[in-house]
Amino acid sequence: SIDMSELEQGDSGGGLVFSRSLGTETEAKERYFIY
C-alpha cells in the first residue's frame, strides 16, 4: 500500500486492477483490468 491503508480479513478474493488507456489519442478510454 502507498496510502497507509491495510488490507485485512474479509478483503480476500477481491481483485487488484490496473488501468489502461484504450482507443485513439482523441477518444482514449480508461479501462480497468484485473491482474
Full PDB file with SEQRES, HELIX, SHEET, SSBOND, CRYST1, ORIGX, SCALE, CONECT and MASTER records, all heavy atoms in Angstrom:
SEQRES   1 A   35  SER ILE ASP MET SER GLU LEU GLU GLN GLY ASP SER GLY          
SEQRES   2 A   35  GLY GLY LEU VAL PHE SER ARG SER LEU GLY THR GLU THR          
SEQRES   3 A   35  GLU ALA LYS GLU ARG TYR PHE ILE TYR                          
SHEET    1 AA1 2 VAL A  17  LEU A  22  0                                        
SHEET    2 AA1 2 LYS A  29  ILE A  34 -1                                        
CRYST1    1.000    1.000    1.000  90.00  90.00  90.00 P 1           1          
ORIGX1      1.000000  0.000000  0.000000        0.00000                         
ORIGX2      0.000000  1.000000  0.000000        0.00000                         
ORIGX3      0.000000  0.000000  1.000000        0.00000                         
SCALE1      1.000000  0.000000  0.000000        0.00000                         
SCALE2      0.000000  1.000000  0.000000        0.00000                         
SCALE3      0.000000  0.000000  1.000000        0.00000                         
ATOM      1  N   SER A   1       0.828  -1.198   0.000  1.00  0.00           N  
ATOM      2  CA  SER A   1       0.000   0.000   0.000  1.00  0.00           C  
ATOM      3  C   SER A   1       0.867   1.255   0.000  1.00  0.00           C  
ATOM      4  O   SER A   1       1.922   1.291   0.637  1.00  0.00           O  
ATOM      5  CB  SER A   1      -0.903  -0.007   1.237  1.00  0.00           C  
ATOM      6  OG  SER A   1      -1.550   1.235   1.387  1.00  0.00           O  
ATOM      7  N   ILE A   2       0.408   2.297  -0.702  1.00  0.00           N  
ATOM      8  CA  ILE A   2       1.142   3.566  -0.706  1.00  0.00           C  
ATOM      9  C   ILE A   2       0.360   4.658   0.019  1.00  0.00           C  
ATOM     10  O   ILE A   2       0.784   5.808   0.062  1.00  0.00           O  
ATOM     11  CB  ILE A   2       1.433   4.032  -2.143  1.00  0.00           C  
ATOM     12  CG1 ILE A   2       0.127   4.291  -2.897  1.00  0.00           C  
ATOM     13  CG2 ILE A   2       2.308   3.030  -2.875  1.00  0.00           C  
ATOM     14  CD1 ILE A   2       0.316   5.009  -4.211  1.00  0.00           C  
ATOM     15  N   ASP A   3      -0.805   4.327   0.581  1.00  0.00           N  
ATOM     16  CA  ASP A   3      -1.618   5.362   1.238  1.00  0.00           C  
ATOM     17  C   ASP A   3      -1.941   5.003   2.688  1.00  0.00           C  
ATOM     18  O   ASP A   3      -2.956   5.420   3.237  1.00  0.00           O  
ATOM     19  CB  ASP A   3      -2.919   5.603   0.445  1.00  0.00           C  
ATOM     20  CG  ASP A   3      -3.698   4.316   0.196  1.00  0.00           C  
ATOM     21  OD1 ASP A   3      -3.418   3.307   0.875  1.00  0.00           O  
ATOM     22  OD2 ASP A   3      -4.584   4.328  -0.670  1.00  0.00           O  
ATOM     23  N   MET A   4      -1.055   4.207   3.306  1.00  0.00           N  
ATOM     24  CA  MET A   4      -1.204   3.842   4.720  1.00  0.00           C  
ATOM     25  C   MET A   4      -2.411   2.947   4.977  1.00  0.00           C  
ATOM     26  O   MET A   4      -2.787   2.722   6.118  1.00  0.00           O  
ATOM     27  CB  MET A   4      -1.306   5.100   5.597  1.00  0.00           C  
ATOM     28  CG  MET A   4      -0.101   6.025   5.525  1.00  0.00           C  
ATOM     29  SD  MET A   4       1.403   5.198   6.104  1.00  0.00           S  
ATOM     30  CE  MET A   4       1.047   5.030   7.846  1.00  0.00           C  
ATOM     31  N   SER A   5      -3.026   2.448   3.953  1.00  0.00           N  
ATOM     32  CA  SER A   5      -4.159   1.548   4.156  1.00  0.00           C  
ATOM     33  C   SER A   5      -3.656   0.133   4.376  1.00  0.00           C  
ATOM     34  O   SER A   5      -2.534  -0.209   3.987  1.00  0.00           O  
ATOM     35  CB  SER A   5      -5.111   1.600   2.968  1.00  0.00           C  
ATOM     36  OG  SER A   5      -4.442   1.208   1.794  1.00  0.00           O  
ATOM     37  N   GLU A   6      -4.484  -0.673   5.013  1.00  0.00           N  
ATOM     38  CA  GLU A   6      -4.134  -2.064   5.266  1.00  0.00           C  
ATOM     39  C   GLU A   6      -5.279  -2.952   4.809  1.00  0.00           C  
ATOM     40  O   GLU A   6      -6.434  -2.692   5.122  1.00  0.00           O  
ATOM     41  CB  GLU A   6      -3.865  -2.293   6.758  1.00  0.00           C  
ATOM     42  CG  GLU A   6      -2.685  -1.505   7.304  1.00  0.00           C  
ATOM     43  CD  GLU A   6      -2.498  -1.707   8.792  1.00  0.00           C  
ATOM     44  OE1 GLU A   6      -3.191  -2.602   9.346  1.00  0.00           O  
ATOM     45  OE2 GLU A   6      -1.697  -0.988   9.402  1.00  0.00           O  
ATOM     46  N   LEU A   7      -4.942  -3.988   4.071  1.00  0.00           N  
ATOM     47  CA  LEU A   7      -5.947  -4.962   3.662  1.00  0.00           C  
ATOM     48  C   LEU A   7      -6.048  -6.003   4.763  1.00  0.00           C  
ATOM     49  O   LEU A   7      -5.048  -6.498   5.260  1.00  0.00           O  
ATOM     50  CB  LEU A   7      -5.560  -5.624   2.342  1.00  0.00           C  
ATOM     51  CG  LEU A   7      -5.153  -4.685   1.207  1.00  0.00           C  
ATOM     52  CD1 LEU A   7      -4.983  -5.474  -0.083  1.00  0.00           C  
ATOM     53  CD2 LEU A   7      -6.169  -3.576   1.023  1.00  0.00           C  
ATOM     54  N   GLU A   8      -7.280  -6.305   5.139  1.00  0.00           N  
ATOM     55  CA  GLU A   8      -7.495  -7.160   6.297  1.00  0.00           C  
ATOM     56  C   GLU A   8      -8.341  -8.368   5.932  1.00  0.00           C  
ATOM     57  O   GLU A   8      -8.741  -8.559   4.782  1.00  0.00           O  
ATOM     58  CB  GLU A   8      -8.189  -6.349   7.415  1.00  0.00           C  
ATOM     59  CG  GLU A   8      -7.402  -5.141   7.905  1.00  0.00           C  
ATOM     60  CD  GLU A   8      -6.233  -5.530   8.799  1.00  0.00           C  
ATOM     61  OE1 GLU A   8      -6.072  -6.734   9.104  1.00  0.00           O  
ATOM     62  OE2 GLU A   8      -5.462  -4.633   9.185  1.00  0.00           O  
ATOM     63  N   GLN A   9      -8.613  -9.196   6.959  1.00  0.00           N  
ATOM     64  CA  GLN A   9      -9.508 -10.330   6.783  1.00  0.00           C  
ATOM     65  C   GLN A   9     -10.837  -9.830   6.214  1.00  0.00           C  
ATOM     66  O   GLN A   9     -11.394  -8.863   6.684  1.00  0.00           O  
ATOM     67  CB  GLN A   9      -9.743 -11.024   8.128  1.00  0.00           C  
ATOM     68  CG  GLN A   9     -10.670 -12.223   8.039  1.00  0.00           C  
ATOM     69  CD  GLN A   9     -10.937 -12.822   9.411  1.00  0.00           C  
ATOM     70  OE1 GLN A   9     -10.383 -12.385  10.409  1.00  0.00           O  
ATOM     71  NE2 GLN A   9     -11.806 -13.817   9.458  1.00  0.00           N  
ATOM     72  N   GLY A  10     -11.346 -10.503   5.230  1.00  0.00           N  
ATOM     73  CA  GLY A  10     -12.573 -10.056   4.571  1.00  0.00           C  
ATOM     74  C   GLY A  10     -12.297  -9.399   3.230  1.00  0.00           C  
ATOM     75  O   GLY A  10     -13.187  -9.307   2.396  1.00  0.00           O  
ATOM     76  N   ASP A  11     -11.049  -8.924   3.035  1.00  0.00           N  
ATOM     77  CA  ASP A  11     -10.683  -8.346   1.743  1.00  0.00           C  
ATOM     78  C   ASP A  11     -10.300  -9.425   0.736  1.00  0.00           C  
ATOM     79  O   ASP A  11     -10.234  -9.167  -0.471  1.00  0.00           O  
ATOM     80  CB  ASP A  11      -9.515  -7.370   1.902  1.00  0.00           C  
ATOM     81  CG  ASP A  11      -9.944  -6.066   2.569  1.00  0.00           C  
ATOM     82  OD1 ASP A  11     -11.018  -5.563   2.215  1.00  0.00           O  
ATOM     83  OD2 ASP A  11      -9.210  -5.571   3.440  1.00  0.00           O  
ATOM     84  N   SER A  12     -10.020 -10.635   1.226  1.00  0.00           N  
ATOM     85  CA  SER A  12      -9.600 -11.738   0.357  1.00  0.00           C  
ATOM     86  C   SER A  12     -10.560 -11.928  -0.808  1.00  0.00           C  
ATOM     87  O   SER A  12     -11.765 -11.722  -0.683  1.00  0.00           O  
ATOM     88  CB  SER A  12      -9.528 -13.038   1.159  1.00  0.00           C  
ATOM     89  OG  SER A  12      -8.452 -13.022   2.055  1.00  0.00           O  
ATOM     90  N   GLY A  13     -10.007 -12.358  -1.929  1.00  0.00           N  
ATOM     91  CA  GLY A  13     -10.828 -12.632  -3.107  1.00  0.00           C  
ATOM     92  C   GLY A  13     -11.053 -11.440  -4.000  1.00  0.00           C  
ATOM     93  O   GLY A  13     -11.433 -11.589  -5.164  1.00  0.00           O  
ATOM     94  N   GLY A  14     -10.843 -10.232  -3.460  1.00  0.00           N  
ATOM     95  CA  GLY A  14     -11.004  -9.032  -4.262  1.00  0.00           C  
ATOM     96  C   GLY A  14      -9.906  -8.911  -5.305  1.00  0.00           C  
ATOM     97  O   GLY A  14      -8.831  -9.510  -5.172  1.00  0.00           O  
ATOM     98  N   GLY A  15     -10.163  -8.132  -6.352  1.00  0.00           N  
ATOM     99  CA  GLY A  15      -9.219  -8.022  -7.453  1.00  0.00           C  
ATOM    100  C   GLY A  15      -8.372  -6.767  -7.388  1.00  0.00           C  
ATOM    101  O   GLY A  15      -8.868  -5.681  -7.066  1.00  0.00           O  
ATOM    102  N   LEU A  16      -7.093  -6.908  -7.673  1.00  0.00           N  
ATOM    103  CA  LEU A  16      -6.199  -5.767  -7.851  1.00  0.00           C  
ATOM    104  C   LEU A  16      -6.231  -5.411  -9.334  1.00  0.00           C  
ATOM    105  O   LEU A  16      -5.906  -6.236 -10.194  1.00  0.00           O  
ATOM    106  CB  LEU A  16      -4.775  -6.113  -7.417  1.00  0.00           C  
ATOM    107  CG  LEU A  16      -3.733  -4.997  -7.566  1.00  0.00           C  
ATOM    108  CD1 LEU A  16      -4.100  -3.770  -6.721  1.00  0.00           C  
ATOM    109  CD2 LEU A  16      -2.340  -5.506  -7.173  1.00  0.00           C  
ATOM    110  N   VAL A  17      -6.658  -4.183  -9.639  1.00  0.00           N  
ATOM    111  CA  VAL A  17      -6.844  -3.781 -11.030  1.00  0.00           C  
ATOM    112  C   VAL A  17      -5.874  -2.671 -11.408  1.00  0.00           C  
ATOM    113  O   VAL A  17      -5.473  -1.864 -10.566  1.00  0.00           O  
ATOM    114  CB  VAL A  17      -8.300  -3.311 -11.281  1.00  0.00           C  
ATOM    115  CG1 VAL A  17      -9.285  -4.444 -11.038  1.00  0.00           C  
ATOM    116  CG2 VAL A  17      -8.663  -2.102 -10.410  1.00  0.00           C  
ATOM    117  N   PHE A  18      -5.499  -2.664 -12.679  1.00  0.00           N  
ATOM    118  CA  PHE A  18      -4.621  -1.639 -13.231  1.00  0.00           C  
ATOM    119  C   PHE A  18      -5.325  -1.013 -14.425  1.00  0.00           C  
ATOM    120  O   PHE A  18      -5.982  -1.708 -15.202  1.00  0.00           O  
ATOM    121  CB  PHE A  18      -3.290  -2.243 -13.670  1.00  0.00           C  
ATOM    122  CG  PHE A  18      -2.446  -2.755 -12.540  1.00  0.00           C  
ATOM    123  CD1 PHE A  18      -2.665  -4.023 -12.015  1.00  0.00           C  
ATOM    124  CD2 PHE A  18      -1.445  -1.973 -11.991  1.00  0.00           C  
ATOM    125  CE1 PHE A  18      -1.896  -4.517 -10.970  1.00  0.00           C  
ATOM    126  CE2 PHE A  18      -0.662  -2.449 -10.940  1.00  0.00           C  
ATOM    127  CZ  PHE A  18      -0.887  -3.719 -10.429  1.00  0.00           C  
ATOM    128  N   SER A  19      -5.196   0.299 -14.562  1.00  0.00           N  
ATOM    129  CA  SER A  19      -5.881   0.999 -15.650  1.00  0.00           C  
ATOM    130  C   SER A  19      -5.026   1.015 -16.904  1.00  0.00           C  
ATOM    131  O   SER A  19      -3.794   1.068 -16.845  1.00  0.00           O  
ATOM    132  CB  SER A  19      -6.228   2.430 -15.238  1.00  0.00           C  
ATOM    133  OG  SER A  19      -5.050   3.180 -15.015  1.00  0.00           O  
ATOM    134  N   ARG A  20      -5.718   0.964 -18.041  1.00  0.00           N  
ATOM    135  CA  ARG A  20      -5.073   1.079 -19.338  1.00  0.00           C  
ATOM    136  C   ARG A  20      -5.917   1.992 -20.209  1.00  0.00           C  
ATOM    137  O   ARG A  20      -7.147   1.948 -20.155  1.00  0.00           O  
ATOM    138  CB  ARG A  20      -4.944  -0.290 -19.990  1.00  0.00           C  
ATOM    139  CG  ARG A  20      -4.009  -1.241 -19.275  1.00  0.00           C  
ATOM    140  CD  ARG A  20      -4.104  -2.649 -19.837  1.00  0.00           C  
ATOM    141  NE  ARG A  20      -3.825  -2.687 -21.277  1.00  0.00           N  
ATOM    142  CZ  ARG A  20      -4.023  -3.755 -22.033  1.00  0.00           C  
ATOM    143  NH1 ARG A  20      -4.514  -4.859 -21.499  1.00  0.00           N  
ATOM    144  NH2 ARG A  20      -3.744  -3.716 -23.327  1.00  0.00           N  
ATOM    145  N   SER A  21      -5.280   2.802 -21.003  1.00  0.00           N  
ATOM    146  CA  SER A  21      -5.991   3.679 -21.931  1.00  0.00           C  
ATOM    147  C   SER A  21      -6.118   2.985 -23.272  1.00  0.00           C  
ATOM    148  O   SER A  21      -5.115   2.599 -23.885  1.00  0.00           O  
ATOM    149  CB  SER A  21      -5.255   5.011 -22.102  1.00  0.00           C  
ATOM    150  OG  SER A  21      -5.288   5.744 -20.906  1.00  0.00           O  
ATOM    151  N   LEU A  22      -7.363   2.818 -23.716  1.00  0.00           N  
ATOM    152  CA  LEU A  22      -7.625   2.173 -24.991  1.00  0.00           C  
ATOM    153  C   LEU A  22      -8.224   3.183 -25.956  1.00  0.00           C  
ATOM    154  O   LEU A  22      -8.826   4.169 -25.547  1.00  0.00           O  
ATOM    155  CB  LEU A  22      -8.597   1.002 -24.794  1.00  0.00           C  
ATOM    156  CG  LEU A  22      -8.174  -0.069 -23.779  1.00  0.00           C  
ATOM    157  CD1 LEU A  22      -9.252  -1.128 -23.669  1.00  0.00           C  
ATOM    158  CD2 LEU A  22      -6.841  -0.689 -24.178  1.00  0.00           C  
ATOM    159  N   GLY A  23      -8.097   2.925 -27.236  1.00  0.00           N  
ATOM    160  CA  GLY A  23      -8.665   3.823 -28.234  1.00  0.00           C  
ATOM    161  C   GLY A  23      -7.635   4.792 -28.773  1.00  0.00           C  
ATOM    162  O   GLY A  23      -6.436   4.657 -28.566  1.00  0.00           O  
ATOM    163  N   THR A  24      -8.124   5.826 -29.462  1.00  0.00           N  
ATOM    164  CA  THR A  24      -7.242   6.810 -30.084  1.00  0.00           C  
ATOM    165  C   THR A  24      -6.850   7.872 -29.071  1.00  0.00           C  
ATOM    166  O   THR A  24      -7.388   7.947 -27.965  1.00  0.00           O  
ATOM    167  CB  THR A  24      -7.944   7.472 -31.278  1.00  0.00           C  
ATOM    168  OG1 THR A  24      -9.094   8.196 -30.791  1.00  0.00           O  
ATOM    169  CG2 THR A  24      -8.409   6.423 -32.276  1.00  0.00           C  
ATOM    170  N   GLU A  25      -5.902   8.723 -29.462  1.00  0.00           N  
ATOM    171  CA  GLU A  25      -5.465   9.795 -28.571  1.00  0.00           C  
ATOM    172  C   GLU A  25      -6.606  10.757 -28.262  1.00  0.00           C  
ATOM    173  O   GLU A  25      -6.701  11.301 -27.173  1.00  0.00           O  
ATOM    174  CB  GLU A  25      -4.300  10.568 -29.201  1.00  0.00           C  
ATOM    175  CG  GLU A  25      -3.019   9.736 -29.310  1.00  0.00           C  
ATOM    176  CD  GLU A  25      -1.874  10.569 -29.852  1.00  0.00           C  
ATOM    177  OE1 GLU A  25      -2.078  11.782 -30.075  1.00  0.00           O  
ATOM    178  OE2 GLU A  25      -0.782  10.006 -30.054  1.00  0.00           O  
ATOM    179  N   THR A  26      -7.488  10.966 -29.236  1.00  0.00           N  
ATOM    180  CA  THR A  26      -8.597  11.911 -29.023  1.00  0.00           C  
ATOM    181  C   THR A  26      -9.770  11.268 -28.311  1.00  0.00           C  
ATOM    182  O   THR A  26     -10.573  11.942 -27.693  1.00  0.00           O  
ATOM    183  CB  THR A  26      -9.069  12.486 -30.380  1.00  0.00           C  
ATOM    184  OG1 THR A  26      -9.433  11.403 -31.247  1.00  0.00           O  
ATOM    185  CG2 THR A  26      -7.977  13.319 -31.009  1.00  0.00           C  
ATOM    186  N   GLU A  27      -9.891   9.928 -28.440  1.00  0.00           N  
ATOM    187  CA  GLU A  27     -11.002   9.232 -27.814  1.00  0.00           C  
ATOM    188  C   GLU A  27     -10.501   8.092 -26.926  1.00  0.00           C  
ATOM    189  O   GLU A  27     -10.991   6.967 -26.972  1.00  0.00           O  
ATOM    190  CB  GLU A  27     -11.966   8.683 -28.873  1.00  0.00           C  
ATOM    191  CG  GLU A  27     -12.623   9.766 -29.705  1.00  0.00           C  
ATOM    192  CD  GLU A  27     -13.604   9.176 -30.704  1.00  0.00           C  
ATOM    193  OE1 GLU A  27     -13.730   7.934 -30.755  1.00  0.00           O  
ATOM    194  OE2 GLU A  27     -14.250   9.951 -31.416  1.00  0.00           O  
ATOM    195  N   ALA A  28      -9.501   8.388 -26.123  1.00  0.00           N  
ATOM    196  CA  ALA A  28      -8.943   7.374 -25.237  1.00  0.00           C  
ATOM    197  C   ALA A  28      -9.949   7.026 -24.150  1.00  0.00           C  
ATOM    198  O   ALA A  28     -10.619   7.898 -23.593  1.00  0.00           O  
ATOM    199  CB  ALA A  28      -7.653   7.888 -24.608  1.00  0.00           C  
ATOM    200  N   LYS A  29     -10.083   5.737 -23.865  1.00  0.00           N  
ATOM    201  CA  LYS A  29     -10.983   5.273 -22.822  1.00  0.00           C  
ATOM    202  C   LYS A  29     -10.187   4.523 -21.770  1.00  0.00           C  
ATOM    203  O   LYS A  29      -9.435   3.604 -22.080  1.00  0.00           O  
ATOM    204  CB  LYS A  29     -12.059   4.349 -23.411  1.00  0.00           C  
ATOM    205  CG  LYS A  29     -12.996   5.048 -24.386  1.00  0.00           C  
ATOM    206  CD  LYS A  29     -14.037   4.078 -24.906  1.00  0.00           C  
ATOM    207  CE  LYS A  29     -15.000   4.766 -25.874  1.00  0.00           C  
ATOM    208  NZ  LYS A  29     -16.009   3.822 -26.418  1.00  0.00           N  
ATOM    209  N   GLU A  30     -10.344   4.938 -20.534  1.00  0.00           N  
ATOM    210  CA  GLU A  30      -9.638   4.276 -19.447  1.00  0.00           C  
ATOM    211  C   GLU A  30     -10.435   3.057 -19.002  1.00  0.00           C  
ATOM    212  O   GLU A  30     -11.589   3.171 -18.608  1.00  0.00           O  
ATOM    213  CB  GLU A  30      -9.450   5.245 -18.279  1.00  0.00           C  
ATOM    214  CG  GLU A  30      -8.538   4.691 -17.200  1.00  0.00           C  
ATOM    215  CD  GLU A  30      -8.294   5.684 -16.087  1.00  0.00           C  
ATOM    216  OE1 GLU A  30      -9.270   6.338 -15.667  1.00  0.00           O  
ATOM    217  OE2 GLU A  30      -7.151   5.809 -15.626  1.00  0.00           O  
ATOM    218  N   ARG A  31      -9.816   1.891 -19.081  1.00  0.00           N  
ATOM    219  CA  ARG A  31     -10.437   0.641 -18.651  1.00  0.00           C  
ATOM    220  C   ARG A  31      -9.573   0.007 -17.567  1.00  0.00           C  
ATOM    221  O   ARG A  31      -8.351   0.171 -17.548  1.00  0.00           O  
ATOM    222  CB  ARG A  31     -10.567  -0.338 -19.823  1.00  0.00           C  
ATOM    223  CG  ARG A  31     -11.359   0.178 -21.009  1.00  0.00           C  
ATOM    224  CD  ARG A  31     -12.828   0.334 -20.695  1.00  0.00           C  
ATOM    225  NE  ARG A  31     -13.588   0.794 -21.835  1.00  0.00           N  
ATOM    226  CZ  ARG A  31     -14.324   0.004 -22.622  1.00  0.00           C  
ATOM    227  NH1 ARG A  31     -14.380  -1.289 -22.361  1.00  0.00           N  
ATOM    228  NH2 ARG A  31     -14.992   0.497 -23.639  1.00  0.00           N  
ATOM    229  N   TYR A  32     -10.232  -0.736 -16.696  1.00  0.00           N  
ATOM    230  CA  TYR A  32      -9.515  -1.403 -15.607  1.00  0.00           C  
ATOM    231  C   TYR A  32      -9.489  -2.906 -15.835  1.00  0.00           C  
ATOM    232  O   TYR A  32     -10.527  -3.529 -16.074  1.00  0.00           O  
ATOM    233  CB  TYR A  32     -10.156  -1.056 -14.260  1.00  0.00           C  
ATOM    234  CG  TYR A  32      -9.816   0.346 -13.826  1.00  0.00           C  
ATOM    235  CD1 TYR A  32     -10.485   1.443 -14.358  1.00  0.00           C  
ATOM    236  CD2 TYR A  32      -8.792   0.582 -12.917  1.00  0.00           C  
ATOM    237  CE1 TYR A  32     -10.157   2.738 -13.988  1.00  0.00           C  
ATOM    238  CE2 TYR A  32      -8.447   1.874 -12.536  1.00  0.00           C  
ATOM    239  CZ  TYR A  32      -9.131   2.950 -13.081  1.00  0.00           C  
ATOM    240  OH  TYR A  32      -8.798   4.229 -12.712  1.00  0.00           O  
ATOM    241  N   PHE A  33      -8.277  -3.467 -15.755  1.00  0.00           N  
ATOM    242  CA  PHE A  33      -8.048  -4.892 -15.978  1.00  0.00           C  
ATOM    243  C   PHE A  33      -7.633  -5.540 -14.668  1.00  0.00           C  
ATOM    244  O   PHE A  33      -6.833  -4.980 -13.916  1.00  0.00           O  
ATOM    245  CB  PHE A  33      -6.944  -5.096 -17.024  1.00  0.00           C  
ATOM    246  CG  PHE A  33      -7.358  -4.779 -18.426  1.00  0.00           C  
ATOM    247  CD1 PHE A  33      -7.523  -3.464 -18.848  1.00  0.00           C  
ATOM    248  CD2 PHE A  33      -7.574  -5.795 -19.349  1.00  0.00           C  
ATOM    249  CE1 PHE A  33      -7.894  -3.160 -20.142  1.00  0.00           C  
ATOM    250  CE2 PHE A  33      -7.944  -5.507 -20.661  1.00  0.00           C  
ATOM    251  CZ  PHE A  33      -8.107  -4.191 -21.057  1.00  0.00           C  
ATOM    252  N   ILE A  34      -8.155  -6.738 -14.421  1.00  0.00           N  
ATOM    253  CA  ILE A  34      -7.790  -7.466 -13.206  1.00  0.00           C  
ATOM    254  C   ILE A  34      -6.535  -8.285 -13.476  1.00  0.00           C  
ATOM    255  O   ILE A  34      -6.456  -9.037 -14.444  1.00  0.00           O  
ATOM    256  CB  ILE A  34      -8.950  -8.356 -12.715  1.00  0.00           C  
ATOM    257  CG1 ILE A  34      -8.583  -9.029 -11.395  1.00  0.00           C  
ATOM    258  CG2 ILE A  34      -9.369  -9.387 -13.770  1.00  0.00           C  
ATOM    259  CD1 ILE A  34      -9.751  -9.734 -10.713  1.00  0.00           C  
ATOM    260  N   TYR A  35      -5.532  -8.092 -12.607  1.00  0.00           N  
ATOM    261  CA  TYR A  35      -4.289  -8.843 -12.742  1.00  0.00           C  
ATOM    262  C   TYR A  35      -3.959  -9.644 -11.486  1.00  0.00           C  
ATOM    263  O   TYR A  35      -3.113 -10.536 -11.531  1.00  0.00           O  
ATOM    264  CB  TYR A  35      -3.129  -7.905 -13.077  1.00  0.00           C  
ATOM    265  CG  TYR A  35      -3.151  -7.475 -14.522  1.00  0.00           C  
ATOM    266  CD1 TYR A  35      -3.734  -6.274 -14.901  1.00  0.00           C  
ATOM    267  CD2 TYR A  35      -2.614  -8.283 -15.520  1.00  0.00           C  
ATOM    268  CE1 TYR A  35      -3.792  -5.890 -16.229  1.00  0.00           C  
ATOM    269  CE2 TYR A  35      -2.656  -7.907 -16.853  1.00  0.00           C  
ATOM    270  CZ  TYR A  35      -3.247  -6.713 -17.206  1.00  0.00           C  
ATOM    271  OH  TYR A  35      -3.301  -6.345 -18.530  1.00  0.00           O  
TER     272      TYR A  35                                                      
MASTER        0    0    0    0    2    0    0    6  271    1    0    3          
END                                                                             
